[in-house]
Amino acid sequence: MKRIALAIGLGAILSLPLGLSSSMAQEPKKADTVTTEDIEKEVKETAKTSAAYTQQQREEYQKKIDAKLNEYGQELKEWKAKVAKKEEKVKAEMDQQIKEMNQKAEEASKKLKELKTKTGKAWEDLKAGMDSLMEDLAKSFDQIQSRFKK
């Protein structure tokens, strides 16, 4: 009885590879072919996506700079009101600092307008200059702000 069961089991096991190979022979595996048109389509889609991403990054950067310049402008107005209450010597010194800060903010605003009209390499170059200008503006802002806290 054990021999019969063993013989049936072996027969079933041995017939499996034959069944698989015959089904594989019926359906040959097709190779995926890529055409020039497929590549061109992918390249166009990638370029379109890249351009959209770059535009989004530019707009976010410009909004960030606009918001920061607006913040500085509001603070400068408040500082001017505070300076009016100070002694003449202190007032003259602080007025000068505020004037310099205003000039830097105006320069940054002009550069931002120019930046909004540029693309590609020109935009990258202007952005680097804008970053530097904003760092300088932030330092000036912090210096003036520390004076008002005294």
N, C-alpha and C. Protein backbone atom coordinates (compact mmCIF):
# COMPACT_ATOMS: atom_id res chain seq x y z
N MET A 1 0.81 -1.17 0.00
CA MET A 1 0.00 0.00 0.00
C MET A 1 0.88 1.26 0.00
N LYS A 2 1.93 1.17 0.84
CA LYS A 2 2.85 2.29 0.90
C LYS A 2 3.56 2.47 -0.43
N ARG A 3 3.84 1.35 -1.09
CA ARG A 3 4.54 1.43 -2.36
C ARG A 3 3.65 2.09 -3.43
N ILE A 4 2.39 1.81 -3.40
CA ILE A 4 1.48 2.38 -4.39
C ILE A 4 1.38 3.89 -4.17
N ALA A 5 1.23 4.31 -2.92
CA ALA A 5 1.14 5.73 -2.61
C ALA A 5 2.42 6.44 -3.01
N LEU A 6 3.56 5.81 -2.75
CA LEU A 6 4.85 6.38 -3.11
C LEU A 6 4.98 6.49 -4.63
N ALA A 7 4.55 5.51 -5.35
CA ALA A 7 4.63 5.52 -6.81
C ALA A 7 3.74 6.61 -7.40
N ILE A 8 2.55 6.79 -6.83
CA ILE A 8 1.63 7.83 -7.31
C ILE A 8 2.23 9.21 -7.03
N GLY A 9 2.80 9.38 -5.83
CA GLY A 9 3.41 10.67 -5.46
C GLY A 9 4.57 11.00 -6.37
N LEU A 10 5.45 10.02 -6.63
CA LEU A 10 6.59 10.24 -7.53
C LEU A 10 6.12 10.57 -8.93
N GLY A 11 5.10 9.90 -9.38
CA GLY A 11 4.56 10.16 -10.73
C GLY A 11 4.03 11.58 -10.83
N ALA A 12 3.36 12.03 -9.80
CA ALA A 12 2.82 13.39 -9.80
C ALA A 12 3.94 14.41 -9.80
N ILE A 13 4.97 14.17 -9.01
CA ILE A 13 6.09 15.10 -8.92
C ILE A 13 6.84 15.15 -10.24
N LEU A 14 7.06 14.02 -10.85
CA LEU A 14 7.79 13.97 -12.11
C LEU A 14 7.00 14.60 -13.26
N SER A 15 5.70 14.60 -13.20
CA SER A 15 4.90 15.15 -14.29
C SER A 15 4.79 16.68 -14.20
N LEU A 16 5.07 17.27 -13.04
CA LEU A 16 4.98 18.73 -12.88
C LEU A 16 5.91 19.48 -13.83
N PRO A 17 7.19 19.19 -13.85
CA PRO A 17 8.06 19.95 -14.76
C PRO A 17 7.65 19.80 -16.22
N LEU A 18 7.13 18.65 -16.59
CA LEU A 18 6.70 18.46 -17.97
C LEU A 18 5.51 19.36 -18.28
N GLY A 19 4.61 19.51 -17.36
CA GLY A 19 3.45 20.38 -17.55
C GLY A 19 3.86 21.83 -17.66
N LEU A 20 4.79 22.25 -16.86
CA LEU A 20 5.25 23.63 -16.89
C LEU A 20 5.97 23.94 -18.20
N SER A 21 6.82 23.02 -18.59
CA SER A 21 7.59 23.30 -19.78
C SER A 21 6.71 23.31 -21.02
N SER A 22 5.68 22.50 -21.05
CA SER A 22 4.80 22.50 -22.21
C SER A 22 3.98 23.79 -22.27
N SER A 23 3.58 24.33 -21.12
CA SER A 23 2.83 25.59 -21.13
C SER A 23 3.74 26.75 -21.50
N MET A 24 5.00 26.66 -21.10
CA MET A 24 5.95 27.72 -21.45
C MET A 24 6.25 27.70 -22.94
N ALA A 25 6.25 26.53 -23.53
CA ALA A 25 6.53 26.40 -24.94
C ALA A 25 5.40 26.99 -25.77
N GLN A 26 4.17 26.95 -25.24
CA GLN A 26 3.03 27.47 -25.98
C GLN A 26 3.02 28.99 -26.04
N GLU A 27 3.47 29.68 -24.94
CA GLU A 27 3.46 31.14 -24.90
C GLU A 27 4.88 31.66 -24.76
N PRO A 28 5.53 31.99 -25.84
CA PRO A 28 6.89 32.53 -25.73
C PRO A 28 6.83 33.92 -25.10
N LYS A 29 7.84 34.23 -24.34
CA LYS A 29 7.92 35.52 -23.64
C LYS A 29 8.24 36.61 -24.65
N LYS A 30 7.41 37.67 -24.64
CA LYS A 30 7.63 38.79 -25.55
C LYS A 30 8.56 39.80 -24.88
N ALA A 31 9.48 40.29 -25.64
CA ALA A 31 10.40 41.31 -25.12
C ALA A 31 9.73 42.67 -25.31
N ASP A 32 9.82 43.53 -24.30
CA ASP A 32 9.29 44.88 -24.40
C ASP A 32 10.22 45.68 -25.31
N THR A 33 9.65 46.28 -26.32
CA THR A 33 10.45 47.09 -27.24
C THR A 33 10.14 48.54 -26.98
N VAL A 34 11.17 49.35 -27.05
CA VAL A 34 11.05 50.78 -26.84
C VAL A 34 11.34 51.46 -28.17
N THR A 35 10.43 52.34 -28.55
CA THR A 35 10.60 53.04 -29.83
C THR A 35 11.14 54.44 -29.60
N THR A 36 11.56 55.05 -30.68
CA THR A 36 12.02 56.43 -30.63
C THR A 36 10.89 57.34 -30.15
N GLU A 37 9.70 57.04 -30.60
CA GLU A 37 8.54 57.84 -30.20
C GLU A 37 8.31 57.76 -28.68
N ASP A 38 8.51 56.55 -28.13
CA ASP A 38 8.36 56.37 -26.68
C ASP A 38 9.36 57.24 -25.93
N ILE A 39 10.59 57.23 -26.42
CA ILE A 39 11.64 58.03 -25.76
C ILE A 39 11.34 59.51 -25.88
N GLU A 40 10.93 59.96 -27.07
CA GLU A 40 10.60 61.37 -27.27
C GLU A 40 9.46 61.79 -26.35
N LYS A 41 8.47 60.94 -26.22
CA LYS A 41 7.32 61.24 -25.35
C LYS A 41 7.78 61.37 -23.90
N GLU A 42 8.62 60.44 -23.44
CA GLU A 42 9.14 60.49 -22.07
C GLU A 42 9.95 61.76 -21.83
N VAL A 43 10.79 62.11 -22.81
CA VAL A 43 11.63 63.30 -22.68
C VAL A 43 10.76 64.55 -22.59
N LYS A 44 9.74 64.63 -23.43
CA LYS A 44 8.84 65.79 -23.41
C LYS A 44 8.10 65.89 -22.08
N GLU A 45 7.63 64.76 -21.58
CA GLU A 45 6.92 64.76 -20.29
C GLU A 45 7.86 65.15 -19.15
N THR A 46 9.08 64.67 -19.20
CA THR A 46 10.06 65.01 -18.17
C THR A 46 10.39 66.50 -18.22
N ALA A 47 10.59 67.02 -19.42
CA ALA A 47 10.90 68.44 -19.57
C ALA A 47 9.75 69.30 -19.08
N LYS A 48 8.52 68.89 -19.39
CA LYS A 48 7.34 69.64 -18.96
C LYS A 48 7.23 69.63 -17.43
N THR A 49 7.45 68.48 -16.84
CA THR A 49 7.39 68.35 -15.38
C THR A 49 8.49 69.18 -14.72
N SER A 50 9.67 69.12 -15.29
CA SER A 50 10.81 69.88 -14.76
C SER A 50 10.54 71.39 -14.84
N ALA A 51 10.00 71.83 -15.96
CA ALA A 51 9.69 73.26 -16.11
C ALA A 51 8.62 73.70 -15.11
N ALA A 52 7.62 72.88 -14.91
CA ALA A 52 6.56 73.22 -13.95
C ALA A 52 7.13 73.29 -12.53
N TYR A 53 7.99 72.34 -12.21
CA TYR A 53 8.62 72.34 -10.87
C TYR A 53 9.49 73.58 -10.67
N THR A 54 10.27 73.92 -11.68
CA THR A 54 11.13 75.10 -11.59
C THR A 54 10.30 76.36 -11.42
N GLN A 55 9.22 76.48 -12.17
CA GLN A 55 8.34 77.63 -12.05
C GLN A 55 7.74 77.71 -10.65
N GLN A 56 7.34 76.58 -10.12
CA GLN A 56 6.78 76.53 -8.77
C GLN A 56 7.82 76.99 -7.75
N GLN A 57 9.04 76.52 -7.89
CA GLN A 57 10.11 76.91 -6.97
C GLN A 57 10.38 78.41 -7.05
N ARG A 58 10.38 78.96 -8.27
CA ARG A 58 10.61 80.39 -8.45
C ARG A 58 9.52 81.20 -7.77
N GLU A 59 8.27 80.79 -7.97
CA GLU A 59 7.15 81.52 -7.38
C GLU A 59 7.19 81.47 -5.86
N GLU A 60 7.51 80.31 -5.31
CA GLU A 60 7.62 80.19 -3.85
C GLU A 60 8.74 81.08 -3.31
N TYR A 61 9.86 81.10 -4.00
CA TYR A 61 11.00 81.94 -3.59
C TYR A 61 10.60 83.42 -3.62
N GLN A 62 9.95 83.83 -4.70
CA GLN A 62 9.55 85.22 -4.84
C GLN A 62 8.54 85.62 -3.77
N LYS A 63 7.60 84.74 -3.46
CA LYS A 63 6.63 85.02 -2.40
C LYS A 63 7.32 85.17 -1.06
N LYS A 64 8.31 84.32 -0.81
CA LYS A 64 9.06 84.38 0.44
C LYS A 64 9.79 85.72 0.57
N ILE A 65 10.43 86.15 -0.51
CA ILE A 65 11.15 87.43 -0.49
C ILE A 65 10.16 88.58 -0.34
N ASP A 66 9.06 88.55 -1.06
CA ASP A 66 8.03 89.59 -0.93
C ASP A 66 7.54 89.70 0.52
N ALA A 67 7.26 88.57 1.12
CA ALA A 67 6.77 88.56 2.50
C ALA A 67 7.81 89.16 3.45
N LYS A 68 9.07 88.79 3.26
CA LYS A 68 10.13 89.29 4.13
C LYS A 68 10.30 90.81 3.95
N LEU A 69 10.26 91.27 2.72
CA LEU A 69 10.38 92.72 2.47
C LEU A 69 9.20 93.47 3.07
N ASN A 70 8.01 92.92 2.98
CA ASN A 70 6.84 93.55 3.60
C ASN A 70 6.99 93.61 5.11
N GLU A 71 7.52 92.53 5.68
CA GLU A 71 7.75 92.50 7.13
C GLU A 71 8.75 93.59 7.53
N TYR A 72 9.84 93.69 6.78
CA TYR A 72 10.83 94.73 7.08
C TYR A 72 10.24 96.12 6.94
N GLY A 73 9.42 96.33 5.91
CA GLY A 73 8.79 97.63 5.70
C GLY A 73 7.90 98.02 6.86
N GLN A 74 7.14 97.07 7.36
CA GLN A 74 6.26 97.33 8.51
C GLN A 74 7.07 97.69 9.75
N GLU A 75 8.14 96.93 9.99
CA GLU A 75 9.00 97.20 11.14
C GLU A 75 9.64 98.59 11.04
N LEU A 76 10.08 98.94 9.83
CA LEU A 76 10.70 100.26 9.65
C LEU A 76 9.73 101.39 9.99
N LYS A 77 8.47 101.24 9.62
CA LYS A 77 7.46 102.25 9.95
C LYS A 77 7.31 102.38 11.48
N GLU A 78 7.29 101.23 12.14
CA GLU A 78 7.16 101.25 13.60
C GLU A 78 8.39 101.88 14.24
N TRP A 79 9.57 101.59 13.71
CA TRP A 79 10.79 102.15 14.27
C TRP A 79 10.84 103.67 14.09
N LYS A 80 10.38 104.14 12.95
CA LYS A 80 10.37 105.59 12.71
C LYS A 80 9.52 106.29 13.77
N ALA A 81 8.42 105.69 14.12
CA ALA A 81 7.55 106.27 15.16
C ALA A 81 8.26 106.27 16.51
N LYS A 82 8.99 105.21 16.81
CA LYS A 82 9.72 105.13 18.08
C LYS A 82 10.88 106.12 18.13
N VAL A 83 11.55 106.30 17.00
CA VAL A 83 12.70 107.20 16.93
C VAL A 83 12.27 108.64 17.23
N ALA A 84 11.09 109.00 16.82
CA ALA A 84 10.60 110.36 17.03
C ALA A 84 10.56 110.72 18.52
N LYS A 85 10.49 109.74 19.38
CA LYS A 85 10.40 109.96 20.82
C LYS A 85 11.77 109.97 21.51
N LYS A 86 12.83 109.70 20.77
CA LYS A 86 14.17 109.58 21.36
C LYS A 86 14.84 110.96 21.44
N GLU A 87 15.96 110.99 22.18
CA GLU A 87 16.77 112.21 22.28
C GLU A 87 17.37 112.51 20.91
N GLU A 88 17.73 113.77 20.68
CA GLU A 88 18.21 114.20 19.37
C GLU A 88 19.43 113.41 18.88
N LYS A 89 20.41 113.17 19.74
CA LYS A 89 21.63 112.45 19.32
C LYS A 89 21.29 111.01 18.92
N VAL A 90 20.53 110.36 19.76
CA VAL A 90 20.13 108.98 19.49
C VAL A 90 19.22 108.95 18.26
N LYS A 91 18.35 109.93 18.20
CA LYS A 91 17.40 110.00 17.10
C LYS A 91 18.13 110.13 15.76
N ALA A 92 19.12 110.98 15.68
CA ALA A 92 19.88 111.19 14.44
C ALA A 92 20.58 109.90 14.01
N GLU A 93 21.17 109.23 14.97
CA GLU A 93 21.88 107.98 14.67
C GLU A 93 20.91 106.90 14.19
N MET A 94 19.80 106.77 14.87
CA MET A 94 18.83 105.74 14.50
C MET A 94 18.15 106.08 13.17
N ASP A 95 17.90 107.37 12.94
CA ASP A 95 17.33 107.78 11.65
C ASP A 95 18.26 107.38 10.50
N GLN A 96 19.55 107.55 10.71
CA GLN A 96 20.53 107.17 9.68
C GLN A 96 20.49 105.66 9.41
N GLN A 97 20.42 104.88 10.47
CA GLN A 97 20.36 103.42 10.31
C GLN A 97 19.07 103.00 9.58
N ILE A 98 17.98 103.64 9.94
CA ILE A 98 16.71 103.32 9.29
C ILE A 98 16.76 103.73 7.81
N LYS A 99 17.37 104.86 7.53
CA LYS A 99 17.51 105.31 6.14
C LYS A 99 18.32 104.29 5.33
N GLU A 100 19.41 103.81 5.89
CA GLU A 100 20.24 102.81 5.21
C GLU A 100 19.45 101.51 4.99
N MET A 101 18.69 101.15 6.00
CA MET A 101 17.87 99.94 5.89
C MET A 101 16.82 100.11 4.79
N ASN A 102 16.21 101.28 4.72
CA ASN A 102 15.24 101.57 3.66
C ASN A 102 15.87 101.46 2.28
N GLN A 103 17.09 101.98 2.13
CA GLN A 103 17.78 101.92 0.85
C GLN A 103 18.04 100.47 0.44
N LYS A 104 18.47 99.67 1.40
CA LYS A 104 18.73 98.25 1.11
C LYS A 104 17.43 97.54 0.74
N ALA A 105 16.36 97.86 1.43
CA ALA A 105 15.07 97.24 1.15
C ALA A 105 14.58 97.64 -0.24
N GLU A 106 14.77 98.91 -0.62
CA GLU A 106 14.38 99.36 -1.96
C GLU A 106 15.21 98.65 -3.03
N GLU A 107 16.50 98.49 -2.77
CA GLU A 107 17.37 97.77 -3.71
C GLU A 107 16.90 96.32 -3.86
N ALA A 108 16.56 95.71 -2.75
CA ALA A 108 16.08 94.33 -2.78
C ALA A 108 14.76 94.23 -3.55
N SER A 109 13.90 95.20 -3.36
CA SER A 109 12.62 95.22 -4.06
C SER A 109 12.82 95.35 -5.57
N LYS A 110 13.74 96.21 -5.99
CA LYS A 110 14.05 96.36 -7.41
C LYS A 110 14.63 95.07 -7.98
N LYS A 111 15.51 94.46 -7.22
CA LYS A 111 16.14 93.21 -7.68
C LYS A 111 15.08 92.11 -7.79
N LEU A 112 14.13 92.10 -6.87
CA LEU A 112 13.07 91.10 -6.93
C LEU A 112 12.22 91.29 -8.19
N LYS A 113 11.90 92.53 -8.53
CA LYS A 113 11.15 92.79 -9.76
C LYS A 113 11.91 92.29 -10.98
N GLU A 114 13.21 92.53 -10.99
CA GLU A 114 14.05 92.05 -12.09
C GLU A 114 14.09 90.52 -12.11
N LEU A 115 14.17 89.94 -10.93
CA LEU A 115 14.23 88.48 -10.80
C LEU A 115 12.97 87.83 -11.37
N LYS A 116 11.84 88.47 -11.18
CA LYS A 116 10.56 87.92 -11.66
C LYS A 116 10.49 87.82 -13.17
N THR A 117 11.32 88.58 -13.88
CA THR A 117 11.27 88.57 -15.34
C THR A 117 12.29 87.63 -15.97
N LYS A 118 13.15 87.04 -15.17
CA LYS A 118 14.24 86.21 -15.70
C LYS A 118 13.91 84.73 -15.61
N THR A 119 14.60 83.96 -16.45
CA THR A 119 14.47 82.51 -16.42
C THR A 119 15.84 81.89 -16.60
N GLY A 120 15.90 80.59 -16.36
CA GLY A 120 17.12 79.83 -16.62
C GLY A 120 18.33 80.31 -15.84
N LYS A 121 19.46 80.39 -16.52
CA LYS A 121 20.74 80.75 -15.91
C LYS A 121 20.71 82.18 -15.35
N ALA A 122 20.06 83.08 -16.09
CA ALA A 122 19.96 84.47 -15.62
C ALA A 122 19.22 84.53 -14.29
N TRP A 123 18.18 83.71 -14.15
CA TRP A 123 17.42 83.68 -12.90
C TRP A 123 18.29 83.15 -11.77
N GLU A 124 19.04 82.08 -12.04
CA GLU A 124 19.92 81.50 -11.02
C GLU A 124 20.96 82.51 -10.56
N ASP A 125 21.54 83.25 -11.50
CA ASP A 125 22.55 84.27 -11.15
C ASP A 125 21.93 85.38 -10.30
N LEU A 126 20.77 85.86 -10.71
CA LEU A 126 20.10 86.91 -9.95
C LEU A 126 19.65 86.41 -8.58
N LYS A 127 19.23 85.16 -8.52
CA LYS A 127 18.80 84.58 -7.24
C LYS A 127 19.97 84.57 -6.26
N ALA A 128 21.15 84.21 -6.73
CA ALA A 128 22.33 84.20 -5.86
C ALA A 128 22.59 85.60 -5.32
N GLY A 129 22.49 86.60 -6.18
CA GLY A 129 22.66 87.99 -5.75
C GLY A 129 21.58 88.42 -4.78
N MET A 130 20.37 87.96 -5.03
CA MET A 130 19.23 88.28 -4.16
C MET A 130 19.43 87.66 -2.78
N ASP A 131 19.90 86.42 -2.76
CA ASP A 131 20.17 85.75 -1.48
C ASP A 131 21.18 86.55 -0.66
N SER A 132 22.23 86.99 -1.32
CA SER A 132 23.27 87.77 -0.65
C SER A 132 22.71 89.09 -0.12
N LEU A 133 21.92 89.74 -0.94
CA LEU A 133 21.30 91.01 -0.55
C LEU A 133 20.36 90.82 0.63
N MET A 134 19.59 89.73 0.62
CA MET A 134 18.67 89.47 1.73
C MET A 134 19.41 89.14 3.02
N GLU A 135 20.54 88.47 2.92
CA GLU A 135 21.36 88.20 4.11
C GLU A 135 21.86 89.50 4.71
N ASP A 136 22.33 90.41 3.85
CA ASP A 136 22.81 91.71 4.30
C ASP A 136 21.66 92.51 4.93
N LEU A 137 20.52 92.44 4.32
CA LEU A 137 19.34 93.14 4.84
C LEU A 137 18.93 92.58 6.20
N ALA A 138 19.00 91.28 6.35
CA ALA A 138 18.65 90.65 7.63
C ALA A 138 19.61 91.07 8.73
N LYS A 139 20.90 91.16 8.41
CA LYS A 139 21.89 91.59 9.40
C LYS A 139 21.61 93.03 9.82
N SER A 140 21.34 93.90 8.86
CA SER A 140 21.02 95.29 9.18
C SER A 140 19.77 95.37 10.03
N PHE A 141 18.80 94.60 9.68
CA PHE A 141 17.55 94.56 10.42
C PHE A 141 17.80 94.15 11.88
N ASP A 142 18.58 93.10 12.06
CA ASP A 142 18.89 92.61 13.41
C ASP A 142 19.64 93.66 14.22
N GLN A 143 20.57 94.37 13.58
CA GLN A 143 21.33 95.41 14.28
C GLN A 143 20.42 96.55 14.75
N ILE A 144 19.56 96.98 13.86
CA ILE A 144 18.63 98.06 14.24
C ILE A 144 17.67 97.58 15.31
N GLN A 145 17.18 96.38 15.15
CA GLN A 145 16.24 95.84 16.12
C GLN A 145 16.87 95.75 17.51
N SER A 146 18.13 95.38 17.58
CA SER A 146 18.80 95.29 18.89
C SER A 146 18.93 96.67 19.52
N ARG A 147 19.06 97.69 18.69
CA ARG A 147 19.14 99.06 19.22
C ARG A 147 17.81 99.49 19.85
N PHE A 148 16.74 99.06 19.30
CA PHE A 148 15.43 99.45 19.83
C PHE A 148 15.07 98.69 21.09
N LYS A 149 15.70 97.58 21.31
CA LYS A 149 15.40 96.81 22.52
C LYS A 149 16.08 97.41 23.74
N LYS A 150 17.07 98.24 23.53
CA LYS A 150 17.82 98.83 24.66
C LYS A 150 16.99 99.86 25.37
